[in-house]
Amino acid sequence: MVKLQLLSKLNSTICLLELIMKGNTKVITTLNGLLHNELAAIDQYFTHS
């Protein structure tokens, strides 16, 4: 019973966070591009070392 109550509370908290946190598509796209470039640089570093 306690486990069910905790899961219910966790589920409602997650739903609330999803409503509060909204991502800007342009910012996320830019950050994904930057991350891609950084990961490519790391791959090149390990390939050449």
N, C-alpha and C. Protein backbone atom coordinates (compact mmCIF):
# COMPACT_ATOMS: atom_id res chain seq x y z
N MET A 1 0.83 -1.20 0.00
CA MET A 1 0.00 0.00 0.00
C MET A 1 0.87 1.26 0.00
N VAL A 2 1.89 1.26 0.85
CA VAL A 2 2.79 2.42 0.92
C VAL A 2 3.52 2.59 -0.40
N LYS A 3 3.92 1.46 -1.00
CA LYS A 3 4.63 1.51 -2.28
C LYS A 3 3.74 2.14 -3.35
N LEU A 4 2.48 1.78 -3.37
CA LEU A 4 1.54 2.34 -4.33
C LEU A 4 1.37 3.84 -4.14
N GLN A 5 1.31 4.28 -2.89
CA GLN A 5 1.19 5.71 -2.61
C GLN A 5 2.44 6.46 -3.08
N LEU A 6 3.62 5.88 -2.84
CA LEU A 6 4.86 6.51 -3.28
C LEU A 6 4.93 6.60 -4.80
N LEU A 7 4.53 5.53 -5.46
CA LEU A 7 4.54 5.54 -6.93
C LEU A 7 3.56 6.56 -7.47
N SER A 8 2.41 6.68 -6.85
CA SER A 8 1.42 7.66 -7.27
C SER A 8 1.95 9.07 -7.09
N LYS A 9 2.59 9.32 -5.96
CA LYS A 9 3.15 10.65 -5.69
C LYS A 9 4.28 10.96 -6.67
N LEU A 10 5.14 9.97 -6.95
CA LEU A 10 6.23 10.15 -7.89
C LEU A 10 5.70 10.44 -9.28
N ASN A 11 4.68 9.71 -9.70
CA ASN A 11 4.09 9.92 -11.01
C ASN A 11 3.50 11.32 -11.14
N SER A 12 2.81 11.80 -10.11
CA SER A 12 2.23 13.15 -10.18
C SER A 12 3.32 14.21 -10.16
N THR A 13 4.43 13.95 -9.45
CA THR A 13 5.56 14.89 -9.44
C THR A 13 6.19 14.98 -10.82
N ILE A 14 6.37 13.83 -11.47
CA ILE A 14 6.95 13.82 -12.81
C ILE A 14 6.05 14.57 -13.78
N CYS A 15 4.75 14.36 -13.70
CA CYS A 15 3.81 15.07 -14.58
C CYS A 15 3.89 16.58 -14.34
N LEU A 16 4.02 16.98 -13.09
CA LEU A 16 4.12 18.40 -12.77
C LEU A 16 5.40 18.98 -13.34
N LEU A 17 6.52 18.27 -13.21
CA LEU A 17 7.79 18.75 -13.76
C LEU A 17 7.73 18.87 -15.28
N GLU A 18 7.04 17.95 -15.93
CA GLU A 18 6.90 18.02 -17.38
C GLU A 18 6.12 19.26 -17.79
N LEU A 19 5.16 19.68 -16.98
CA LEU A 19 4.40 20.88 -17.28
C LEU A 19 5.22 22.14 -17.03
N ILE A 20 6.05 22.12 -15.98
CA ILE A 20 6.84 23.30 -15.61
C ILE A 20 8.00 23.51 -16.57
N MET A 21 8.71 22.43 -16.89
CA MET A 21 9.92 22.54 -17.70
C MET A 21 9.57 22.40 -19.18
N LYS A 22 9.75 23.47 -19.90
CA LYS A 22 9.51 23.44 -21.34
C LYS A 22 10.81 23.81 -22.03
N GLY A 23 11.21 23.02 -22.99
CA GLY A 23 12.45 23.28 -23.71
C GLY A 23 12.20 24.13 -24.94
N ASN A 24 13.14 25.02 -25.18
CA ASN A 24 13.12 25.83 -26.39
C ASN A 24 13.77 25.00 -27.49
N THR A 25 13.02 24.69 -28.54
CA THR A 25 13.50 23.81 -29.60
C THR A 25 14.78 24.33 -30.23
N LYS A 26 14.87 25.63 -30.46
CA LYS A 26 16.06 26.20 -31.09
C LYS A 26 17.29 26.03 -30.19
N VAL A 27 17.12 26.25 -28.90
CA VAL A 27 18.24 26.10 -27.96
C VAL A 27 18.68 24.64 -27.89
N ILE A 28 17.73 23.73 -27.82
CA ILE A 28 18.06 22.31 -27.74
C ILE A 28 18.78 21.85 -29.01
N THR A 29 18.33 22.31 -30.16
CA THR A 29 18.98 21.96 -31.42
C THR A 29 20.41 22.48 -31.46
N THR A 30 20.62 23.71 -31.02
CA THR A 30 21.96 24.29 -30.98
C THR A 30 22.86 23.52 -30.03
N LEU A 31 22.35 23.20 -28.85
CA LEU A 31 23.14 22.44 -27.88
C LEU A 31 23.47 21.04 -28.40
N ASN A 32 22.53 20.41 -29.09
CA ASN A 32 22.80 19.09 -29.67
C ASN A 32 23.90 19.17 -30.71
N GLY A 33 23.91 20.23 -31.52
CA GLY A 33 24.97 20.42 -32.51
C GLY A 33 26.32 20.61 -31.85
N LEU A 34 26.36 21.42 -30.79
CA LEU A 34 27.61 21.63 -30.07
C LEU A 34 28.10 20.34 -29.42
N LEU A 35 27.19 19.58 -28.86
CA LEU A 35 27.57 18.31 -28.25
C LEU A 35 28.12 17.35 -29.30
N HIS A 36 27.49 17.33 -30.46
CA HIS A 36 27.97 16.47 -31.55
C HIS A 36 29.40 16.84 -31.92
N ASN A 37 29.68 18.14 -32.03
CA ASN A 37 31.03 18.58 -32.38
C ASN A 37 32.04 18.20 -31.31
N GLU A 38 31.67 18.34 -30.05
CA GLU A 38 32.58 17.98 -28.96
C GLU A 38 32.86 16.48 -28.95
N LEU A 39 31.82 15.68 -29.17
CA LEU A 39 32.02 14.23 -29.19
C LEU A 39 32.88 13.80 -30.38
N ALA A 40 32.72 14.48 -31.51
CA ALA A 40 33.56 14.19 -32.68
C ALA A 40 35.01 14.54 -32.38
N ALA A 41 35.25 15.65 -31.70
CA ALA A 41 36.61 16.05 -31.34
C ALA A 41 37.25 15.03 -30.40
N ILE A 42 36.47 14.53 -29.45
CA ILE A 42 36.99 13.52 -28.52
C ILE A 42 37.34 12.24 -29.28
N ASP A 43 36.47 11.83 -30.21
CA ASP A 43 36.74 10.64 -31.02
C ASP A 43 38.03 10.81 -31.81
N GLN A 44 38.23 11.97 -32.41
CA GLN A 44 39.46 12.22 -33.18
C GLN A 44 40.68 12.19 -32.27
N TYR A 45 40.56 12.74 -31.09
CA TYR A 45 41.67 12.74 -30.14
C TYR A 45 42.08 11.31 -29.82
N PHE A 46 41.11 10.46 -29.51
CA PHE A 46 41.43 9.08 -29.16
C PHE A 46 41.94 8.30 -30.37
N THR A 47 41.44 8.61 -31.55
CA THR A 47 41.89 7.92 -32.76
C THR A 47 43.35 8.24 -33.04
N HIS A 48 43.75 9.49 -32.84
CA HIS A 48 45.11 9.91 -33.18
C HIS A 48 46.10 9.75 -32.03
N SER A 49 45.64 9.33 -30.87
CA SER A 49 46.60 9.19 -29.75
C SER A 49 47.10 7.77 -29.61
